[in-house]
Amino acid sequence: MIKISKIALVALLIGTMGATVASADAGKGQKLYSKKLKKVCGFNGGVFAKKHTQDQWESIKDAGKLKAEIEKICPKVNEKKALKDKYMKDYYDFFYNFASDSGNIPSC
């Protein structure tokens, strides 16, 4: 019985850590924006995120058009370097958390 409990506890711990690593992060999105998009776009992340409301950002993401929207707002962006698929969840979290109707102001 103790052996089964230990195995279950280890499985739970691994599952929790995996879920944490796989989740997106607005802070990471902000850092990515500052590093990959800010100079090319010519304005800070707060200005970029405020281009839409939270509902609009969510609709854009759900439609699978986040990359296209970034390119629309920032036409000079280098797609290969700045718009990798692995960055999209973090960009989205950043844009959503600092959207025009969020009341939040980023520091970048």
Protein backbone atom coordinates (compact mmCIF):
# COMPACT_ATOMS: atom_id res chain seq x y z
CA MET A 1 0.00 0.00 0.00
CA ILE A 2 2.82 2.41 0.84
CA LYS A 3 4.53 1.59 -2.46
CA ILE A 4 1.39 2.46 -4.43
CA SER A 5 1.04 5.72 -2.51
CA LYS A 6 4.63 6.68 -3.30
CA ILE A 7 4.15 5.91 -6.98
CA ALA A 8 0.96 7.97 -7.07
CA LEU A 9 2.66 10.87 -5.31
CA VAL A 10 5.59 10.83 -7.74
CA ALA A 11 3.20 10.67 -10.72
CA LEU A 12 1.23 13.61 -9.33
CA LEU A 13 4.42 15.61 -8.80
CA ILE A 14 5.68 14.92 -12.33
CA GLY A 15 2.27 15.77 -13.79
CA THR A 16 2.15 19.05 -11.92
CA MET A 17 5.64 20.04 -13.01
CA GLY A 18 4.90 19.15 -16.62
CA ALA A 19 1.75 21.26 -16.62
CA THR A 20 3.65 24.21 -15.20
CA VAL A 21 6.39 24.01 -17.81
CA ALA A 22 3.89 23.66 -20.67
CA SER A 23 1.83 26.69 -19.71
CA ALA A 24 2.36 30.05 -21.36
CA ASP A 25 3.56 33.10 -19.46
CA ALA A 26 2.75 36.80 -19.91
CA GLY A 27 6.10 37.76 -18.37
CA LYS A 28 7.95 35.60 -20.85
CA GLY A 29 5.81 37.08 -23.63
CA GLN A 30 6.79 40.56 -22.50
CA LYS A 31 10.48 39.64 -22.57
CA LEU A 32 10.07 38.08 -26.02
CA TYR A 33 8.30 41.19 -27.29
CA SER A 34 11.07 43.43 -25.94
CA LYS A 35 13.76 41.25 -27.48
CA LYS A 36 12.18 40.21 -30.79
CA LEU A 37 9.54 42.79 -31.76
CA LYS A 38 9.98 46.13 -29.98
CA LYS A 39 12.76 47.51 -32.18
CA VAL A 40 11.19 46.28 -35.42
CA CYS A 41 7.70 47.56 -34.52
CA GLY A 42 8.92 50.91 -33.28
CA PHE A 43 6.74 51.02 -30.17
CA ASN A 44 6.61 49.34 -26.79
CA GLY A 45 4.59 46.29 -25.86
CA GLY A 46 1.88 48.30 -24.10
CA VAL A 47 1.06 50.13 -27.32
CA PHE A 48 1.04 46.85 -29.24
CA ALA A 49 -1.17 44.99 -26.75
CA LYS A 50 -3.65 47.87 -26.60
CA LYS A 51 -4.41 47.52 -30.31
CA HIS A 52 -7.20 45.13 -29.28
CA THR A 53 -9.41 44.23 -26.33
CA GLN A 54 -9.04 40.93 -24.48
CA ASP A 55 -12.01 39.47 -26.38
CA GLN A 56 -10.50 40.51 -29.69
CA TRP A 57 -7.10 38.98 -28.83
CA GLU A 58 -8.88 35.78 -27.79
CA SER A 59 -10.83 35.67 -31.07
CA ILE A 60 -7.65 36.23 -33.07
CA LYS A 61 -5.88 33.41 -31.22
CA ASP A 62 -8.84 31.04 -31.51
CA ALA A 63 -9.02 31.68 -35.25
CA GLY A 64 -5.32 30.80 -35.55
CA LYS A 65 -4.46 34.26 -36.87
CA LEU A 66 -2.11 35.55 -34.18
CA LYS A 67 0.96 35.45 -36.45
CA ALA A 68 -0.94 37.23 -39.21
CA GLU A 69 -2.12 39.92 -36.79
CA ILE A 70 1.40 40.51 -35.51
CA GLU A 71 2.60 40.84 -39.12
CA LYS A 72 -0.30 43.22 -39.87
CA ILE A 73 0.54 45.50 -36.94
CA CYS A 74 4.29 45.13 -37.46
CA PRO A 75 4.96 44.54 -41.19
CA LYS A 76 8.77 44.65 -40.86
CA VAL A 77 8.89 41.67 -38.48
CA ASN A 78 11.25 38.81 -39.34
CA GLU A 79 8.91 35.83 -39.31
CA LYS A 80 11.65 33.20 -38.98
CA LYS A 81 13.23 34.77 -35.90
CA ALA A 82 10.39 36.49 -34.06
CA LEU A 83 7.29 34.46 -34.93
CA LYS A 84 8.24 30.91 -34.10
CA ASP A 85 5.34 28.70 -33.06
CA LYS A 86 6.86 28.16 -29.63
CA TYR A 87 6.56 31.90 -28.90
CA MET A 88 2.89 32.31 -29.83
CA LYS A 89 1.37 31.19 -26.51
CA ASP A 90 3.59 33.58 -24.58
CA TYR A 91 2.92 36.47 -26.98
CA TYR A 92 -0.79 35.80 -26.67
CA ASP A 93 -0.69 35.80 -22.86
CA PHE A 94 1.21 39.08 -22.90
CA PHE A 95 -1.17 40.73 -25.40
CA TYR A 96 -4.24 39.42 -23.54
CA ASN A 97 -3.03 40.52 -20.09
CA PHE A 98 -2.21 44.04 -21.30
CA ALA A 99 -5.07 44.53 -23.80
CA SER A 100 -6.85 47.87 -24.03
CA ASP A 101 -9.61 46.85 -21.63
CA SER A 102 -7.37 45.09 -19.08
CA GLY A 103 -6.30 48.10 -17.03
CA ASN A 104 -2.76 46.67 -16.85
CA ILE A 105 0.32 48.57 -17.98
CA PRO A 106 3.47 46.62 -18.95
CA SER A 107 6.93 47.85 -18.03
CA CYS A 108 8.46 47.46 -21.48
